[in-house]
Amino acid sequence: MEPSETETDPDIVLSLSNSVYKSYQETIENLSTGDQINFNAKIIALGDEFNINHLHALVIHKTGVFKALPDIIIRESGLPTSIPEGADTPPVNNLSLGD
């Protein structure tokens, strides 16, 4: 996110299902640290100073923009442990990228 909420921790975690992963597998496997992406996602949990924002990705696209980033420390204890049922279902008023 710009601006970042922190200099050492991730701002968000994007979870995704097997079907979303398979749909965007080539894009995901070719991501590098600093690659900018656009995505559509459902908010699963808003973060605070102790918890990471958790979004469930429905669509992922690379923008072609790159930004050099400092090392980010990921603590497994801060990662989500489950994804709610129905997280892959787009919201009724789903907006496409660029809207």
PDB file of N, CA and C in Angstrom:
ATOM      1  N   MET A   1       0.849  -1.166   0.000  1.00  0.00           N
ATOM      2  CA  MET A   1       0.000   0.000   0.000  1.00  0.00           C
ATOM      3  C   MET A   1       0.898   1.234   0.000  1.00  0.00           C
ATOM      4  N   GLU A   2       0.416   2.288  -0.572  1.00  0.00           N
ATOM      5  CA  GLU A   2       1.154   3.543  -0.548  1.00  0.00           C
ATOM      6  C   GLU A   2       0.278   4.636  -0.009  1.00  0.00           C
ATOM      7  N   PRO A   3       0.661   5.290   1.049  1.00  0.00           N
ATOM      8  CA  PRO A   3       1.863   4.997   1.825  1.00  0.00           C
ATOM      9  C   PRO A   3       1.664   3.753   2.686  1.00  0.00           C
ATOM     10  N   SER A   4       2.773   3.131   3.024  1.00  0.00           N
ATOM     11  CA  SER A   4       2.730   1.929   3.841  1.00  0.00           C
ATOM     12  C   SER A   4       2.335   2.279   5.277  1.00  0.00           C
ATOM     13  N   GLU A   5       1.665   1.340   5.919  1.00  0.00           N
ATOM     14  CA  GLU A   5       1.304   1.548   7.321  1.00  0.00           C
ATOM     15  C   GLU A   5       2.477   1.264   8.248  1.00  0.00           C
ATOM     16  N   THR A   6       3.476   0.552   7.753  1.00  0.00           N
ATOM     17  CA  THR A   6       4.632   0.176   8.558  1.00  0.00           C
ATOM     18  C   THR A   6       5.838  -0.002   7.649  1.00  0.00           C
ATOM     19  N   GLU A   7       7.018   0.143   8.197  1.00  0.00           N
ATOM     20  CA  GLU A   7       8.223  -0.016   7.384  1.00  0.00           C
ATOM     21  C   GLU A   7       8.799  -1.422   7.465  1.00  0.00           C
ATOM     22  N   THR A   8       8.334  -2.229   8.419  1.00  0.00           N
ATOM     23  CA  THR A   8       8.940  -3.544   8.594  1.00  0.00           C
ATOM     24  C   THR A   8       7.964  -4.709   8.431  1.00  0.00           C
ATOM     25  N   ASP A   9       6.673  -4.452   8.513  1.00  0.00           N
ATOM     26  CA  ASP A   9       5.687  -5.530   8.429  1.00  0.00           C
ATOM     27  C   ASP A   9       4.847  -5.373   7.164  1.00  0.00           C
ATOM     28  N   PRO A  10       4.280  -6.476   6.670  1.00  0.00           N
ATOM     29  CA  PRO A  10       3.382  -6.350   5.516  1.00  0.00           C
ATOM     30  C   PRO A  10       2.137  -5.551   5.882  1.00  0.00           C
ATOM     31  N   ASP A  11       1.592  -4.826   4.906  1.00  0.00           N
ATOM     32  CA  ASP A  11       0.353  -4.066   5.126  1.00  0.00           C
ATOM     33  C   ASP A  11      -0.866  -4.964   5.001  1.00  0.00           C
ATOM     34  N   ILE A  12      -0.822  -5.885   4.057  1.00  0.00           N
ATOM     35  CA  ILE A  12      -1.960  -6.782   3.830  1.00  0.00           C
ATOM     36  C   ILE A  12      -1.475  -8.192   3.530  1.00  0.00           C
ATOM     37  N   VAL A  13      -2.363  -9.136   3.774  1.00  0.00           N
ATOM     38  CA  VAL A  13      -2.175 -10.514   3.339  1.00  0.00           C
ATOM     39  C   VAL A  13      -3.310 -10.809   2.382  1.00  0.00           C
ATOM     40  N   LEU A  14      -2.960 -11.308   1.193  1.00  0.00           N
ATOM     41  CA  LEU A  14      -3.964 -11.744   0.225  1.00  0.00           C
ATOM     42  C   LEU A  14      -4.020 -13.254   0.274  1.00  0.00           C
ATOM     43  N   SER A  15      -5.138 -13.795   0.714  1.00  0.00           N
ATOM     44  CA  SER A  15      -5.321 -15.246   0.634  1.00  0.00           C
ATOM     45  C   SER A  15      -6.019 -15.531  -0.689  1.00  0.00           C
ATOM     46  N   LEU A  16      -5.937 -16.753  -1.163  1.00  0.00           N
ATOM     47  CA  LEU A  16      -6.635 -17.132  -2.380  1.00  0.00           C
ATOM     48  C   LEU A  16      -6.919 -18.614  -2.376  1.00  0.00           C
ATOM     49  N   SER A  17      -7.978 -18.975  -3.054  1.00  0.00           N
ATOM     50  CA  SER A  17      -8.384 -20.377  -3.139  1.00  0.00           C
ATOM     51  C   SER A  17      -7.591 -21.076  -4.238  1.00  0.00           C
ATOM     52  N   ASN A  18      -7.715 -22.404  -4.269  1.00  0.00           N
ATOM     53  CA  ASN A  18      -7.057 -23.174  -5.324  1.00  0.00           C
ATOM     54  C   ASN A  18      -7.544 -22.739  -6.697  1.00  0.00           C
ATOM     55  N   SER A  19      -8.844 -22.473  -6.836  1.00  0.00           N
ATOM     56  CA  SER A  19      -9.371 -22.102  -8.157  1.00  0.00           C
ATOM     57  C   SER A  19      -8.837 -20.741  -8.610  1.00  0.00           C
ATOM     58  N   VAL A  20      -8.728 -19.781  -7.704  1.00  0.00           N
ATOM     59  CA  VAL A  20      -8.163 -18.476  -8.068  1.00  0.00           C
ATOM     60  C   VAL A  20      -6.683 -18.648  -8.391  1.00  0.00           C
ATOM     61  N   TYR A  21      -5.981 -19.438  -7.593  1.00  0.00           N
ATOM     62  CA  TYR A  21      -4.565 -19.689  -7.866  1.00  0.00           C
ATOM     63  C   TYR A  21      -4.384 -20.285  -9.262  1.00  0.00           C
ATOM     64  N   LYS A  22      -5.184 -21.289  -9.592  1.00  0.00           N
ATOM     65  CA  LYS A  22      -5.059 -21.918 -10.911  1.00  0.00           C
ATOM     66  C   LYS A  22      -5.370 -20.934 -12.036  1.00  0.00           C
ATOM     67  N   SER A  23      -6.351 -20.055 -11.831  1.00  0.00           N
ATOM     68  CA  SER A  23      -6.706 -19.070 -12.850  1.00  0.00           C
ATOM     69  C   SER A  23      -5.576 -18.063 -13.103  1.00  0.00           C
ATOM     70  N   TYR A  24      -4.823 -17.735 -12.064  1.00  0.00           N
ATOM     71  CA  TYR A  24      -3.779 -16.714 -12.164  1.00  0.00           C
ATOM     72  C   TYR A  24      -2.395 -17.281 -11.844  1.00  0.00           C
ATOM     73  N   GLN A  25      -2.228 -18.582 -12.020  1.00  0.00           N
ATOM     74  CA  GLN A  25      -0.995 -19.270 -11.635  1.00  0.00           C
ATOM     75  C   GLN A  25       0.253 -18.667 -12.286  1.00  0.00           C
ATOM     76  N   GLU A  26       0.213 -18.410 -13.567  1.00  0.00           N
ATOM     77  CA  GLU A  26       1.387 -17.865 -14.251  1.00  0.00           C
ATOM     78  C   GLU A  26       1.762 -16.499 -13.679  1.00  0.00           C
ATOM     79  N   THR A  27       0.779 -15.642 -13.480  1.00  0.00           N
ATOM     80  CA  THR A  27       1.026 -14.320 -12.896  1.00  0.00           C
ATOM     81  C   THR A  27       1.623 -14.446 -11.501  1.00  0.00           C
ATOM     82  N   ILE A  28       1.008 -15.287 -10.667  1.00  0.00           N
ATOM     83  CA  ILE A  28       1.458 -15.442  -9.282  1.00  0.00           C
ATOM     84  C   ILE A  28       2.868 -16.004  -9.213  1.00  0.00           C
ATOM     85  N   GLU A  29       3.152 -17.027 -10.002  1.00  0.00           N
ATOM     86  CA  GLU A  29       4.469 -17.657  -9.948  1.00  0.00           C
ATOM     87  C   GLU A  29       5.571 -16.755 -10.489  1.00  0.00           C
ATOM     88  N   ASN A  30       5.209 -15.749 -11.274  1.00  0.00           N
ATOM     89  CA  ASN A  30       6.209 -14.836 -11.824  1.00  0.00           C
ATOM     90  C   ASN A  30       6.311 -13.522 -11.052  1.00  0.00           C
ATOM     91  N   LEU A  31       5.622 -13.410  -9.908  1.00  0.00           N
ATOM     92  CA  LEU A  31       5.730 -12.209  -9.085  1.00  0.00           C
ATOM     93  C   LEU A  31       7.072 -12.170  -8.360  1.00  0.00           C
ATOM     94  N   SER A  32       7.631 -10.986  -8.272  1.00  0.00           N
ATOM     95  CA  SER A  32       8.855 -10.761  -7.503  1.00  0.00           C
ATOM     96  C   SER A  32       8.582  -9.653  -6.497  1.00  0.00           C
ATOM     97  N   THR A  33       9.358  -9.612  -5.439  1.00  0.00           N
ATOM     98  CA  THR A  33       9.223  -8.538  -4.459  1.00  0.00           C
ATOM     99  C   THR A  33       9.368  -7.203  -5.169  1.00  0.00           C
ATOM    100  N   GLY A  34       8.391  -6.328  -4.975  1.00  0.00           N
ATOM    101  CA  GLY A  34       8.419  -5.011  -5.591  1.00  0.00           C
ATOM    102  C   GLY A  34       7.523  -4.885  -6.808  1.00  0.00           C
ATOM    103  N   ASP A  35       7.028  -6.015  -7.353  1.00  0.00           N
ATOM    104  CA  ASP A  35       6.094  -5.951  -8.477  1.00  0.00           C
ATOM    105  C   ASP A  35       4.775  -5.370  -7.990  1.00  0.00           C
ATOM    106  N   GLN A  36       4.254  -4.402  -8.711  1.00  0.00           N
ATOM    107  CA  GLN A  36       2.962  -3.821  -8.359  1.00  0.00           C
ATOM    108  C   GLN A  36       1.850  -4.661  -8.982  1.00  0.00           C
ATOM    109  N   ILE A  37       0.787  -4.873  -8.216  1.00  0.00           N
ATOM    110  CA  ILE A  37      -0.362  -5.617  -8.728  1.00  0.00           C
ATOM    111  C   ILE A  37      -1.638  -4.823  -8.494  1.00  0.00           C
ATOM    112  N   ASN A  38      -2.616  -5.081  -9.342  1.00  0.00           N
ATOM    113  CA  ASN A  38      -3.995  -4.653  -9.113  1.00  0.00           C
ATOM    114  C   ASN A  38      -4.765  -5.908  -8.771  1.00  0.00           C
ATOM    115  N   PHE A  39      -5.731  -5.786  -7.880  1.00  0.00           N
ATOM    116  CA  PHE A  39      -6.503  -6.969  -7.527  1.00  0.00           C
ATOM    117  C   PHE A  39      -7.898  -6.574  -7.075  1.00  0.00           C
ATOM    118  N   ASN A  40      -8.819  -7.496  -7.252  1.00  0.00           N
ATOM    119  CA  ASN A  40     -10.147  -7.410  -6.643  1.00  0.00           C
ATOM    120  C   ASN A  40     -10.140  -8.409  -5.510  1.00  0.00           C
ATOM    121  N   ALA A  41     -10.657  -8.015  -4.367  1.00  0.00           N
ATOM    122  CA  ALA A  41     -10.634  -8.898  -3.206  1.00  0.00           C
ATOM    123  C   ALA A  41     -11.772  -8.553  -2.261  1.00  0.00           C
ATOM    124  N   LYS A  42     -12.115  -9.521  -1.432  1.00  0.00           N
ATOM    125  CA  LYS A  42     -13.063  -9.303  -0.343  1.00  0.00           C
ATOM    126  C   LYS A  42     -12.267  -9.017   0.927  1.00  0.00           C
ATOM    127  N   ILE A  43     -12.751  -8.062   1.706  1.00  0.00           N
ATOM    128  CA  ILE A  43     -12.128  -7.808   3.005  1.00  0.00           C
ATOM    129  C   ILE A  43     -12.593  -8.898   3.961  1.00  0.00           C
ATOM    130  N   ILE A  44     -11.641  -9.621   4.513  1.00  0.00           N
ATOM    131  CA  ILE A  44     -11.953 -10.664   5.486  1.00  0.00           C
ATOM    132  C   ILE A  44     -11.796 -10.109   6.901  1.00  0.00           C
ATOM    133  N   ALA A  45     -10.711  -9.369   7.138  1.00  0.00           N
ATOM    134  CA  ALA A  45     -10.487  -8.771   8.458  1.00  0.00           C
ATOM    135  C   ALA A  45      -9.652  -7.512   8.308  1.00  0.00           C
ATOM    136  N   LEU A  46     -10.105  -6.429   8.919  1.00  0.00           N
ATOM    137  CA  LEU A  46      -9.317  -5.212   8.942  1.00  0.00           C
ATOM    138  C   LEU A  46      -8.271  -5.315  10.035  1.00  0.00           C
ATOM    139  N   GLY A  47      -7.075  -4.888   9.719  1.00  0.00           N
ATOM    140  CA  GLY A  47      -5.989  -4.976  10.684  1.00  0.00           C
ATOM    141  C   GLY A  47      -5.945  -3.783  11.610  1.00  0.00           C
ATOM    142  N   ASP A  48      -5.029  -3.881  12.543  1.00  0.00           N
ATOM    143  CA  ASP A  48      -4.744  -2.790  13.468  1.00  0.00           C
ATOM    144  C   ASP A  48      -3.257  -2.857  13.767  1.00  0.00           C
ATOM    145  N   GLU A  49      -2.821  -2.220  14.836  1.00  0.00           N
ATOM    146  CA  GLU A  49      -1.389  -2.235  15.122  1.00  0.00           C
ATOM    147  C   GLU A  49      -0.856  -3.620  15.492  1.00  0.00           C
ATOM    148  N   PHE A  50      -1.750  -4.586  15.747  1.00  0.00           N
ATOM    149  CA  PHE A  50      -1.327  -5.924  16.131  1.00  0.00           C
ATOM    150  C   PHE A  50      -1.641  -6.990  15.080  1.00  0.00           C
ATOM    151  N   ASN A  51      -2.528  -6.693  14.124  1.00  0.00           N
ATOM    152  CA  ASN A  51      -2.979  -7.678  13.141  1.00  0.00           C
ATOM    153  C   ASN A  51      -2.894  -7.112  11.728  1.00  0.00           C
ATOM    154  N   ILE A  52      -2.554  -7.990  10.791  1.00  0.00           N
ATOM    155  CA  ILE A  52      -2.427  -7.615   9.382  1.00  0.00           C
ATOM    156  C   ILE A  52      -3.819  -7.562   8.753  1.00  0.00           C
ATOM    157  N   ASN A  53      -4.036  -6.615   7.813  1.00  0.00           N
ATOM    158  CA  ASN A  53      -5.263  -6.591   7.021  1.00  0.00           C
ATOM    159  C   ASN A  53      -5.323  -7.877   6.200  1.00  0.00           C
ATOM    160  N   HIS A  54      -6.456  -8.578   6.219  1.00  0.00           N
ATOM    161  CA  HIS A  54      -6.608  -9.836   5.485  1.00  0.00           C
ATOM    162  C   HIS A  54      -7.650  -9.657   4.400  1.00  0.00           C
ATOM    163  N   LEU A  55      -7.228  -9.798   3.152  1.00  0.00           N
ATOM    164  CA  LEU A  55      -8.124  -9.731   2.009  1.00  0.00           C
ATOM    165  C   LEU A  55      -8.053 -11.058   1.262  1.00  0.00           C
ATOM    166  N   HIS A  56      -9.171 -11.471   0.684  1.00  0.00           N
ATOM    167  CA  HIS A  56      -9.223 -12.719  -0.086  1.00  0.00           C
ATOM    168  C   HIS A  56      -9.322 -12.361  -1.562  1.00  0.00           C
ATOM    169  N   ALA A  57      -8.275 -12.683  -2.315  1.00  0.00           N
ATOM    170  CA  ALA A  57      -8.177 -12.286  -3.716  1.00  0.00           C
ATOM    171  C   ALA A  57      -9.151 -13.048  -4.605  1.00  0.00           C
ATOM    172  N   LEU A  58      -9.769 -12.314  -5.527  1.00  0.00           N
ATOM    173  CA  LEU A  58     -10.649 -12.897  -6.541  1.00  0.00           C
ATOM    174  C   LEU A  58     -10.041 -12.739  -7.929  1.00  0.00           C
ATOM    175  N   VAL A  59      -9.290 -11.652  -8.154  1.00  0.00           N
ATOM    176  CA  VAL A  59      -8.644 -11.338  -9.432  1.00  0.00           C
ATOM    177  C   VAL A  59      -7.287 -10.718  -9.128  1.00  0.00           C
ATOM    178  N   ILE A  60      -6.247 -11.096  -9.892  1.00  0.00           N
ATOM    179  CA  ILE A  60      -4.905 -10.541  -9.696  1.00  0.00           C
ATOM    180  C   ILE A  60      -4.292 -10.245 -11.063  1.00  0.00           C
ATOM    181  N   HIS A  61      -3.747  -9.035 -11.225  1.00  0.00           N
ATOM    182  CA  HIS A  61      -3.049  -8.655 -12.456  1.00  0.00           C
ATOM    183  C   HIS A  61      -1.791  -7.863 -12.101  1.00  0.00           C
ATOM    184  N   LYS A  62      -0.675  -8.153 -12.783  1.00  0.00           N
ATOM    185  CA  LYS A  62       0.527  -7.333 -12.655  1.00  0.00           C
ATOM    186  C   LYS A  62       0.325  -6.057 -13.458  1.00  0.00           C
ATOM    187  N   THR A  63       0.834  -4.927 -12.943  1.00  0.00           N
ATOM    188  CA  THR A  63       0.717  -3.658 -13.644  1.00  0.00           C
ATOM    189  C   THR A  63       1.916  -3.367 -14.529  1.00  0.00           C
ATOM    190  N   GLY A  64       3.034  -4.064 -14.279  1.00  0.00           N
ATOM    191  CA  GLY A  64       4.268  -3.762 -15.003  1.00  0.00           C
ATOM    192  C   GLY A  64       5.122  -2.730 -14.293  1.00  0.00           C
ATOM    193  N   VAL A  65       4.610  -2.175 -13.191  1.00  0.00           N
ATOM    194  CA  VAL A  65       5.354  -1.181 -12.403  1.00  0.00           C
ATOM    195  C   VAL A  65       6.132  -1.917 -11.320  1.00  0.00           C
ATOM    196  N   PHE A  66       7.353  -1.452 -11.031  1.00  0.00           N
ATOM    197  CA  PHE A  66       8.202  -2.058 -10.002  1.00  0.00           C
ATOM    198  C   PHE A  66       8.647  -0.976  -9.036  1.00  0.00           C
ATOM    199  N   LYS A  67       8.714  -1.328  -7.752  1.00  0.00           N
ATOM    200  CA  LYS A  67       9.202  -0.410  -6.719  1.00  0.00           C
ATOM    201  C   LYS A  67      10.164  -1.163  -5.812  1.00  0.00           C
ATOM    202  N   ALA A  68      11.351  -0.619  -5.632  1.00  0.00           N
ATOM    203  CA  ALA A  68      12.316  -1.232  -4.712  1.00  0.00           C
ATOM    204  C   ALA A  68      11.768  -1.124  -3.291  1.00  0.00           C
ATOM    205  N   LEU A  69      11.774  -2.238  -2.580  1.00  0.00           N
ATOM    206  CA  LEU A  69      11.224  -2.291  -1.227  1.00  0.00           C
ATOM    207  C   LEU A  69      12.271  -2.779  -0.237  1.00  0.00           C
ATOM    208  N   PRO A  70      12.190  -2.308   1.018  1.00  0.00           N
ATOM    209  CA  PRO A  70      13.078  -2.852   2.054  1.00  0.00           C
ATOM    210  C   PRO A  70      12.634  -4.272   2.404  1.00  0.00           C
ATOM    211  N   ASP A  71      13.504  -4.995   3.086  1.00  0.00           N
ATOM    212  CA  ASP A  71      13.130  -6.336   3.546  1.00  0.00           C
ATOM    213  C   ASP A  71      11.923  -6.241   4.468  1.00  0.00           C
ATOM    214  N   ILE A  72      10.990  -7.163   4.282  1.00  0.00           N
ATOM    215  CA  ILE A  72       9.788  -7.211   5.108  1.00  0.00           C
ATOM    216  C   ILE A  72       9.821  -8.497   5.921  1.00  0.00           C
ATOM    217  N   ILE A  73       9.608  -8.386   7.202  1.00  0.00           N
ATOM    218  CA  ILE A  73       9.607  -9.544   8.092  1.00  0.00           C
ATOM    219  C   ILE A  73       8.183 -10.066   8.204  1.00  0.00           C
ATOM    220  N   ILE A  74       7.998 -11.348   7.897  1.00  0.00           N
ATOM    221  CA  ILE A  74       6.667 -11.951   8.007  1.00  0.00           C
ATOM    222  C   ILE A  74       6.692 -12.940   9.162  1.00  0.00           C
ATOM    223  N   ARG A  75       5.879 -12.652  10.157  1.00  0.00           N
ATOM    224  CA  ARG A  75       5.761 -13.549  11.308  1.00  0.00           C
ATOM    225  C   ARG A  75       4.554 -14.442  11.073  1.00  0.00           C
ATOM    226  N   GLU A  76       4.783 -15.744  11.043  1.00  0.00           N
ATOM    227  CA  GLU A  76       3.679 -16.666  10.775  1.00  0.00           C
ATOM    228  C   GLU A  76       2.537 -16.494  11.767  1.00  0.00           C
ATOM    229  N   SER A  77       2.838 -16.062  12.971  1.00  0.00           N
ATOM    230  CA  SER A  77       1.779 -15.887  13.970  1.00  0.00           C
ATOM    231  C   SER A  77       0.804 -14.785  13.560  1.00  0.00           C
ATOM    232  N   GLY A  78       1.224 -13.893  12.666  1.00  0.00           N
ATOM    233  CA  GLY A  78       0.356 -12.818  12.222  1.00  0.00           C
ATOM    234  C   GLY A  78      -0.455 -13.154  10.993  1.00  0.00           C
ATOM    235  N   LEU A  79      -0.218 -14.323  10.398  1.00  0.00           N
ATOM    236  CA  LEU A  79      -0.928 -14.713   9.184  1.00  0.00           C
ATOM    237  C   LEU A  79      -2.273 -15.340   9.520  1.00  0.00           C
ATOM    238  N   PRO A  80      -3.255 -15.158   8.636  1.00  0.00           N
ATOM    239  CA  PRO A  80      -4.571 -15.778   8.881  1.00  0.00           C
ATOM    240  C   PRO A  80      -4.468 -17.293   8.846  1.00  0.00           C
ATOM    241  N   THR A  81      -5.296 -17.945   9.638  1.00  0.00           N
ATOM    242  CA  THR A  81      -5.259 -19.407   9.703  1.00  0.00           C
ATOM    243  C   THR A  81      -6.418 -20.057   8.963  1.00  0.00           C
ATOM    244  N   SER A  82      -7.414 -19.268   8.565  1.00  0.00           N
ATOM    245  CA  SER A  82      -8.546 -19.837   7.841  1.00  0.00           C
ATOM    246  C   SER A  82      -9.172 -18.790   6.934  1.00  0.00           C
ATOM    247  N   ILE A  83      -9.941 -19.285   5.985  1.00  0.00           N
ATOM    248  CA  ILE A  83     -10.661 -18.429   5.045  1.00  0.00           C
ATOM    249  C   ILE A  83     -12.138 -18.762   5.189  1.00  0.00           C
ATOM    250  N   PRO A  84     -12.991 -17.769   5.395  1.00  0.00           N
ATOM    251  CA  PRO A  84     -14.417 -18.047   5.589  1.00  0.00           C
ATOM    252  C   PRO A  84     -15.053 -18.708   4.360  1.00  0.00           C
ATOM    253  N   GLU A  85     -16.038 -19.549   4.602  1.00  0.00           N
ATOM    254  CA  GLU A  85     -16.792 -20.164   3.520  1.00  0.00           C
ATOM    255  C   GLU A  85     -17.444 -19.063   2.693  1.00  0.00           C
ATOM    256  N   GLY A  86     -17.425 -19.210   1.372  1.00  0.00           N
ATOM    257  CA  GLY A  86     -18.028 -18.231   0.481  1.00  0.00           C
ATOM    258  C   GLY A  86     -17.128 -17.060   0.152  1.00  0.00           C
ATOM    259  N   ALA A  87     -15.874 -17.091   0.591  1.00  0.00           N
ATOM    260  CA  ALA A  87     -14.964 -15.974   0.328  1.00  0.00           C
ATOM    261  C   ALA A  87     -14.704 -15.785  -1.164  1.00  0.00           C
ATOM    262  N   ASP A  88     -14.858 -16.842  -1.960  1.00  0.00           N
ATOM    263  CA  ASP A  88     -14.627 -16.729  -3.402  1.00  0.00           C
ATOM    264  C   ASP A  88     -15.815 -16.153  -4.156  1.00  0.00           C
ATOM    265  N   THR A  89     -16.929 -15.966  -3.499  1.00  0.00           N
ATOM    266  CA  THR A  89     -18.114 -15.424  -4.158  1.00  0.00           C
ATOM    267  C   THR A  89     -18.006 -13.905  -4.223  1.00  0.00           C
ATOM    268  N   PRO A  90     -18.000 -13.337  -5.439  1.00  0.00           N
ATOM    269  CA  PRO A  90     -17.905 -11.877  -5.537  1.00  0.00           C
ATOM    270  C   PRO A  90     -19.106 -11.203  -4.885  1.00  0.00           C
ATOM    271  N   PRO A  91     -18.919  -9.996  -4.366  1.00  0.00           N
ATOM    272  CA  PRO A  91     -20.043  -9.263  -3.801  1.00  0.00           C
ATOM    273  C   PRO A  91     -21.076  -8.952  -4.882  1.00  0.00           C
ATOM    274  N   VAL A  92     -22.297  -8.701  -4.484  1.00  0.00           N
ATOM    275  CA  VAL A  92     -23.380  -8.428  -5.428  1.00  0.00           C
ATOM    276  C   VAL A  92     -23.072  -7.216  -6.285  1.00  0.00           C
ATOM    277  N   ASN A  93     -22.514  -6.169  -5.706  1.00  0.00           N
ATOM    278  CA  ASN A  93     -22.198  -4.961  -6.460  1.00  0.00           C
ATOM    279  C   ASN A  93     -20.737  -4.963  -6.897  1.00  0.00           C
ATOM    280  N   ASN A  94     -20.265  -6.083  -7.423  1.00  0.00           N
ATOM    281  CA  ASN A  94     -18.872  -6.265  -7.817  1.00  0.00           C
ATOM    282  C   ASN A  94     -18.468  -5.234  -8.880  1.00  0.00           C
ATOM    283  N   LEU A  95     -17.375  -4.545  -8.625  1.00  0.00           N
ATOM    284  CA  LEU A  95     -16.819  -3.604  -9.589  1.00  0.00           C
ATOM    285  C   LEU A  95     -15.593  -4.232 -10.225  1.00  0.00           C
ATOM    286  N   SER A  96     -15.416  -4.039 -11.502  1.00  0.00           N
ATOM    287  CA  SER A  96     -14.239  -4.573 -12.169  1.00  0.00           C
ATOM    288  C   SER A  96     -13.077  -3.636 -11.975  1.00  0.00           C
ATOM    289  N   LEU A  97     -11.855  -4.135 -12.251  1.00  0.00           N
ATOM    290  CA  LEU A  97     -10.662  -3.294 -12.132  1.00  0.00           C
ATOM    291  C   LEU A  97     -10.831  -2.061 -12.994  1.00  0.00           C
ATOM    292  N   GLY A  98     -10.437  -0.938 -12.474  1.00  0.00           N
ATOM    293  CA  GLY A  98     -10.489   0.304 -13.229  1.00  0.00           C
ATOM    294  C   GLY A  98     -11.777   1.081 -13.062  1.00  0.00           C
ATOM    295  N   ASP A  99     -12.768   0.527 -12.357  1.00  0.00           N
ATOM    296  CA  ASP A  99     -14.022   1.261 -12.139  1.00  0.00           C
ATOM    297  C   ASP A  99     -13.859   2.265 -11.023  1.00  0.00           C
TER     298      ASP A  99
END
